[in-house]
Amino acid sequence: MKARALIECTIDTASPVSELAAAISIVLAALPDEATRLATLEALGDEIDRTLAAQSTEAD
């Protein structure tokens, strides 16, 4: 059996930006070191960039 640390959260879609920012902060606080937090933020930024590009393509 593998031990896992899980975070469960509820996001209020009436204020998505602040809710997502809070969730990201909670996840980052649970990570063990600065390098892991930075890598996570960079990967999240890449995912956001891909999603924005896809949205832009769909809008055209």
PDB file of N, CA and C in Angstrom:
ATOM      1  N   MET A   1       0.842  -1.166   0.000  1.00  0.00           N
ATOM      2  CA  MET A   1       0.000   0.000   0.000  1.00  0.00           C
ATOM      3  C   MET A   1       0.893   1.237   0.000  1.00  0.00           C
ATOM      4  N   LYS A   2       0.495   2.225  -0.759  1.00  0.00           N
ATOM      5  CA  LYS A   2       1.249   3.479  -0.828  1.00  0.00           C
ATOM      6  C   LYS A   2       0.499   4.562  -0.061  1.00  0.00           C
ATOM      7  N   ALA A   3       1.193   5.253   0.823  1.00  0.00           N
ATOM      8  CA  ALA A   3       0.586   6.366   1.553  1.00  0.00           C
ATOM      9  C   ALA A   3       0.537   7.583   0.640  1.00  0.00           C
ATOM     10  N   ARG A   4      -0.580   8.285   0.661  1.00  0.00           N
ATOM     11  CA  ARG A   4      -0.734   9.473  -0.170  1.00  0.00           C
ATOM     12  C   ARG A   4      -1.274  10.617   0.669  1.00  0.00           C
ATOM     13  N   ALA A   5      -0.866  11.811   0.318  1.00  0.00           N
ATOM     14  CA  ALA A   5      -1.428  13.018   0.933  1.00  0.00           C
ATOM     15  C   ALA A   5      -2.420  13.603  -0.063  1.00  0.00           C
ATOM     16  N   LEU A   6      -3.654  13.722   0.331  1.00  0.00           N
ATOM     17  CA  LEU A   6      -4.694  14.236  -0.556  1.00  0.00           C
ATOM     18  C   LEU A   6      -5.263  15.529   0.001  1.00  0.00           C
ATOM     19  N   ILE A   7      -5.632  16.421  -0.902  1.00  0.00           N
ATOM     20  CA  ILE A   7      -6.307  17.658  -0.529  1.00  0.00           C
ATOM     21  C   ILE A   7      -7.644  17.659  -1.258  1.00  0.00           C
ATOM     22  N   GLU A   8      -8.696  17.842  -0.526  1.00  0.00           N
ATOM     23  CA  GLU A   8     -10.014  17.970  -1.139  1.00  0.00           C
ATOM     24  C   GLU A   8     -10.475  19.403  -0.944  1.00  0.00           C
ATOM     25  N   CYS A   9     -11.035  19.981  -1.997  1.00  0.00           N
ATOM     26  CA  CYS A   9     -11.531  21.345  -1.855  1.00  0.00           C
ATOM     27  C   CYS A   9     -12.798  21.512  -2.692  1.00  0.00           C
ATOM     28  N   THR A  10     -13.556  22.498  -2.309  1.00  0.00           N
ATOM     29  CA  THR A  10     -14.756  22.872  -3.033  1.00  0.00           C
ATOM     30  C   THR A  10     -14.506  24.255  -3.614  1.00  0.00           C
ATOM     31  N   ILE A  11     -14.762  24.404  -4.903  1.00  0.00           N
ATOM     32  CA  ILE A  11     -14.521  25.669  -5.593  1.00  0.00           C
ATOM     33  C   ILE A  11     -15.866  26.343  -5.859  1.00  0.00           C
ATOM     34  N   ASP A  12     -15.998  27.572  -5.383  1.00  0.00           N
ATOM     35  CA  ASP A  12     -17.190  28.369  -5.646  1.00  0.00           C
ATOM     36  C   ASP A  12     -16.988  29.040  -6.999  1.00  0.00           C
ATOM     37  N   THR A  13     -17.744  28.608  -7.999  1.00  0.00           N
ATOM     38  CA  THR A  13     -17.558  29.141  -9.345  1.00  0.00           C
ATOM     39  C   THR A  13     -18.072  30.576  -9.497  1.00  0.00           C
ATOM     40  N   ALA A  14     -18.659  31.124  -8.451  1.00  0.00           N
ATOM     41  CA  ALA A  14     -19.057  32.530  -8.482  1.00  0.00           C
ATOM     42  C   ALA A  14     -17.821  33.431  -8.395  1.00  0.00           C
ATOM     43  N   SER A  15     -16.735  32.943  -7.817  1.00  0.00           N
ATOM     44  CA  SER A  15     -15.466  33.700  -7.764  1.00  0.00           C
ATOM     45  C   SER A  15     -14.322  32.767  -8.121  1.00  0.00           C
ATOM     46  N   PRO A  16     -14.243  32.368  -9.375  1.00  0.00           N
ATOM     47  CA  PRO A  16     -13.274  31.341  -9.757  1.00  0.00           C
ATOM     48  C   PRO A  16     -11.817  31.731  -9.584  1.00  0.00           C
ATOM     49  N   VAL A  17     -11.467  32.967  -9.844  1.00  0.00           N
ATOM     50  CA  VAL A  17     -10.052  33.355  -9.766  1.00  0.00           C
ATOM     51  C   VAL A  17      -9.535  33.259  -8.334  1.00  0.00           C
ATOM     52  N   SER A  18     -10.252  33.847  -7.399  1.00  0.00           N
ATOM     53  CA  SER A  18      -9.780  33.797  -6.010  1.00  0.00           C
ATOM     54  C   SER A  18      -9.854  32.380  -5.451  1.00  0.00           C
ATOM     55  N   GLU A  19     -10.848  31.630  -5.856  1.00  0.00           N
ATOM     56  CA  GLU A  19     -10.976  30.245  -5.388  1.00  0.00           C
ATOM     57  C   GLU A  19      -9.831  29.382  -5.912  1.00  0.00           C
ATOM     58  N   LEU A  20      -9.518  29.513  -7.199  1.00  0.00           N
ATOM     59  CA  LEU A  20      -8.408  28.744  -7.770  1.00  0.00           C
ATOM     60  C   LEU A  20      -7.079  29.177  -7.170  1.00  0.00           C
ATOM     61  N   ALA A  21      -6.910  30.470  -6.947  1.00  0.00           N
ATOM     62  CA  ALA A  21      -5.673  30.959  -6.324  1.00  0.00           C
ATOM     63  C   ALA A  21      -5.506  30.370  -4.927  1.00  0.00           C
ATOM     64  N   ALA A  22      -6.595  30.289  -4.177  1.00  0.00           N
ATOM     65  CA  ALA A  22      -6.529  29.704  -2.840  1.00  0.00           C
ATOM     66  C   ALA A  22      -6.174  28.220  -2.910  1.00  0.00           C
ATOM     67  N   ALA A  23      -6.769  27.508  -3.858  1.00  0.00           N
ATOM     68  CA  ALA A  23      -6.476  26.078  -4.010  1.00  0.00           C
ATOM     69  C   ALA A  23      -5.009  25.868  -4.393  1.00  0.00           C
ATOM     70  N   ILE A  24      -4.505  26.691  -5.298  1.00  0.00           N
ATOM     71  CA  ILE A  24      -3.100  26.590  -5.700  1.00  0.00           C
ATOM     72  C   ILE A  24      -2.190  26.851  -4.503  1.00  0.00           C
ATOM     73  N   SER A  25      -2.511  27.856  -3.716  1.00  0.00           N
ATOM     74  CA  SER A  25      -1.699  28.166  -2.527  1.00  0.00           C
ATOM     75  C   SER A  25      -1.669  27.004  -1.546  1.00  0.00           C
ATOM     76  N   ILE A  26      -2.803  26.353  -1.370  1.00  0.00           N
ATOM     77  CA  ILE A  26      -2.875  25.211  -0.459  1.00  0.00           C
ATOM     78  C   ILE A  26      -2.002  24.061  -0.972  1.00  0.00           C
ATOM     79  N   VAL A  27      -2.085  23.795  -2.262  1.00  0.00           N
ATOM     80  CA  VAL A  27      -1.264  22.721  -2.841  1.00  0.00           C
ATOM     81  C   VAL A  27       0.218  23.064  -2.716  1.00  0.00           C
ATOM     82  N   LEU A  28       0.586  24.290  -3.055  1.00  0.00           N
ATOM     83  CA  LEU A  28       1.996  24.677  -2.966  1.00  0.00           C
ATOM     84  C   LEU A  28       2.525  24.559  -1.543  1.00  0.00           C
ATOM     85  N   ALA A  29       1.713  24.916  -0.576  1.00  0.00           N
ATOM     86  CA  ALA A  29       2.134  24.826   0.827  1.00  0.00           C
ATOM     87  C   ALA A  29       2.396  23.382   1.251  1.00  0.00           C
ATOM     88  N   ALA A  30       1.751  22.435   0.583  1.00  0.00           N
ATOM     89  CA  ALA A  30       1.914  21.024   0.935  1.00  0.00           C
ATOM     90  C   ALA A  30       3.138  20.384   0.276  1.00  0.00           C
ATOM     91  N   LEU A  31       3.743  21.087  -0.669  1.00  0.00           N
ATOM     92  CA  LEU A  31       4.902  20.527  -1.369  1.00  0.00           C
ATOM     93  C   LEU A  31       6.163  20.698  -0.535  1.00  0.00           C
ATOM     94  N   PRO A  32       7.101  19.771  -0.679  1.00  0.00           N
ATOM     95  CA  PRO A  32       8.222  19.703   0.262  1.00  0.00           C
ATOM     96  C   PRO A  32       9.291  20.782   0.157  1.00  0.00           C
ATOM     97  N   ASP A  33       9.485  21.355  -1.040  1.00  0.00           N
ATOM     98  CA  ASP A  33      10.585  22.314  -1.162  1.00  0.00           C
ATOM     99  C   ASP A  33      10.311  23.319  -2.273  1.00  0.00           C
ATOM    100  N   GLU A  34      11.131  24.358  -2.289  1.00  0.00           N
ATOM    101  CA  GLU A  34      10.957  25.458  -3.240  1.00  0.00           C
ATOM    102  C   GLU A  34      11.085  24.984  -4.685  1.00  0.00           C
ATOM    103  N   ALA A  35      12.010  24.076  -4.951  1.00  0.00           N
ATOM    104  CA  ALA A  35      12.206  23.585  -6.321  1.00  0.00           C
ATOM    105  C   ALA A  35      10.958  22.856  -6.827  1.00  0.00           C
ATOM    106  N   THR A  36      10.345  22.077  -5.972  1.00  0.00           N
ATOM    107  CA  THR A  36       9.126  21.362  -6.352  1.00  0.00           C
ATOM    108  C   THR A  36       7.978  22.336  -6.574  1.00  0.00           C
ATOM    109  N   ARG A  37       7.887  23.353  -5.715  1.00  0.00           N
ATOM    110  CA  ARG A  37       6.836  24.362  -5.887  1.00  0.00           C
ATOM    111  C   ARG A  37       7.021  25.109  -7.207  1.00  0.00           C
ATOM    112  N   LEU A  38       8.254  25.478  -7.512  1.00  0.00           N
ATOM    113  CA  LEU A  38       8.535  26.192  -8.753  1.00  0.00           C
ATOM    114  C   LEU A  38       8.221  25.325  -9.970  1.00  0.00           C
ATOM    115  N   ALA A  39       8.630  24.071  -9.939  1.00  0.00           N
ATOM    116  CA  ALA A  39       8.352  23.162 -11.052  1.00  0.00           C
ATOM    117  C   ALA A  39       6.850  22.984 -11.245  1.00  0.00           C
ATOM    118  N   THR A  40       6.130  22.920 -10.148  1.00  0.00           N
ATOM    119  CA  THR A  40       4.672  22.774 -10.219  1.00  0.00           C
ATOM    120  C   THR A  40       4.044  24.011 -10.847  1.00  0.00           C
ATOM    121  N   LEU A  41       4.480  25.194 -10.421  1.00  0.00           N
ATOM    122  CA  LEU A  41       3.951  26.435 -10.988  1.00  0.00           C
ATOM    123  C   LEU A  41       4.282  26.556 -12.475  1.00  0.00           C
ATOM    124  N   GLU A  42       5.487  26.157 -12.856  1.00  0.00           N
ATOM    125  CA  GLU A  42       5.866  26.212 -14.268  1.00  0.00           C
ATOM    126  C   GLU A  42       5.017  25.256 -15.100  1.00  0.00           C
ATOM    127  N   ALA A  43       4.790  24.051 -14.597  1.00  0.00           N
ATOM    128  CA  ALA A  43       3.949  23.081 -15.306  1.00  0.00           C
ATOM    129  C   ALA A  43       2.510  23.584 -15.402  1.00  0.00           C
ATOM    130  N   LEU A  44       2.017  24.189 -14.342  1.00  0.00           N
ATOM    131  CA  LEU A  44       0.673  24.757 -14.359  1.00  0.00           C
ATOM    132  C   LEU A  44       0.596  25.894 -15.373  1.00  0.00           C
ATOM    133  N   GLY A  45       1.628  26.729 -15.412  1.00  0.00           N
ATOM    134  CA  GLY A  45       1.674  27.808 -16.398  1.00  0.00           C
ATOM    135  C   GLY A  45       1.647  27.271 -17.821  1.00  0.00           C
ATOM    136  N   ASP A  46       2.378  26.176 -18.071  1.00  0.00           N
ATOM    137  CA  ASP A  46       2.368  25.544 -19.393  1.00  0.00           C
ATOM    138  C   ASP A  46       0.968  25.053 -19.749  1.00  0.00           C
ATOM    139  N   GLU A  47       0.308  24.451 -18.785  1.00  0.00           N
ATOM    140  CA  GLU A  47      -1.046  23.939 -19.021  1.00  0.00           C
ATOM    141  C   GLU A  47      -2.020  25.089 -19.307  1.00  0.00           C
ATOM    142  N   ILE A  48      -1.882  26.174 -18.583  1.00  0.00           N
ATOM    143  CA  ILE A  48      -2.725  27.349 -18.824  1.00  0.00           C
ATOM    144  C   ILE A  48      -2.452  27.910 -20.219  1.00  0.00           C
ATOM    145  N   ASP A  49      -1.187  27.996 -20.607  1.00  0.00           N
ATOM    146  CA  ASP A  49      -0.836  28.484 -21.945  1.00  0.00           C
ATOM    147  C   ASP A  49      -1.464  27.619 -23.034  1.00  0.00           C
ATOM    148  N   ARG A  50      -1.406  26.280 -22.868  1.00  0.00           N
ATOM    149  CA  ARG A  50      -2.005  25.373 -23.859  1.00  0.00           C
ATOM    150  C   ARG A  50      -3.513  25.591 -23.930  1.00  0.00           C
ATOM    151  N   THR A  51      -4.151  25.744 -22.786  1.00  0.00           N
ATOM    152  CA  THR A  51      -5.600  25.950 -22.748  1.00  0.00           C
ATOM    153  C   THR A  51      -5.981  27.286 -23.390  1.00  0.00           C
ATOM    154  N   LEU A  52      -5.210  28.336 -23.109  1.00  0.00           N
ATOM    155  CA  LEU A  52      -5.466  29.634 -23.734  1.00  0.00           C
ATOM    156  C   LEU A  52      -5.304  29.562 -25.251  1.00  0.00           C
ATOM    157  N   ALA A  53      -4.277  28.873 -25.700  1.00  0.00           N
ATOM    158  CA  ALA A  53      -4.056  28.722 -27.136  1.00  0.00           C
ATOM    159  C   ALA A  53      -5.218  27.965 -27.789  1.00  0.00           C
ATOM    160  N   ALA A  54      -5.689  26.928 -27.145  1.00  0.00           N
ATOM    161  CA  ALA A  54      -6.807  26.157 -27.675  1.00  0.00           C
ATOM    162  C   ALA A  54      -8.083  27.011 -27.715  1.00  0.00           C
ATOM    163  N   GLN A  55      -8.308  27.805 -26.684  1.00  0.00           N
ATOM    164  CA  GLN A  55      -9.481  28.686 -26.638  1.00  0.00           C
ATOM    165  C   GLN A  55      -9.394  29.727 -27.747  1.00  0.00           C
ATOM    166  N   SER A  56      -8.198  30.253 -27.960  1.00  0.00           N
ATOM    167  CA  SER A  56      -7.991  31.261 -29.007  1.00  0.00           C
ATOM    168  C   SER A  56      -8.255  30.669 -30.379  1.00  0.00           C
ATOM    169  N   THR A  57      -7.821  29.434 -30.589  1.00  0.00           N
ATOM    170  CA  THR A  57      -8.041  28.752 -31.864  1.00  0.00           C
ATOM    171  C   THR A  57      -9.529  28.512 -32.081  1.00  0.00           C
ATOM    172  N   GLU A  58     -10.240  28.111 -31.039  1.00  0.00           N
ATOM    173  CA  GLU A  58     -11.676  27.863 -31.158  1.00  0.00           C
ATOM    174  C   GLU A  58     -12.438  29.151 -31.445  1.00  0.00           C
ATOM    175  N   ALA A  59     -11.961  30.275 -30.909  1.00  0.00           N
ATOM    176  CA  ALA A  59     -12.644  31.549 -31.087  1.00  0.00           C
ATOM    177  C   ALA A  59     -12.475  32.100 -32.506  1.00  0.00           C
ATOM    178  N   ASP A  60     -11.416  31.678 -33.184  1.00  0.00           N
ATOM    179  CA  ASP A  60     -11.141  32.197 -34.546  1.00  0.00           C
ATOM    180  C   ASP A  60     -12.004  31.564 -35.581  1.00  0.00           C
TER     181      ASP A  60
END
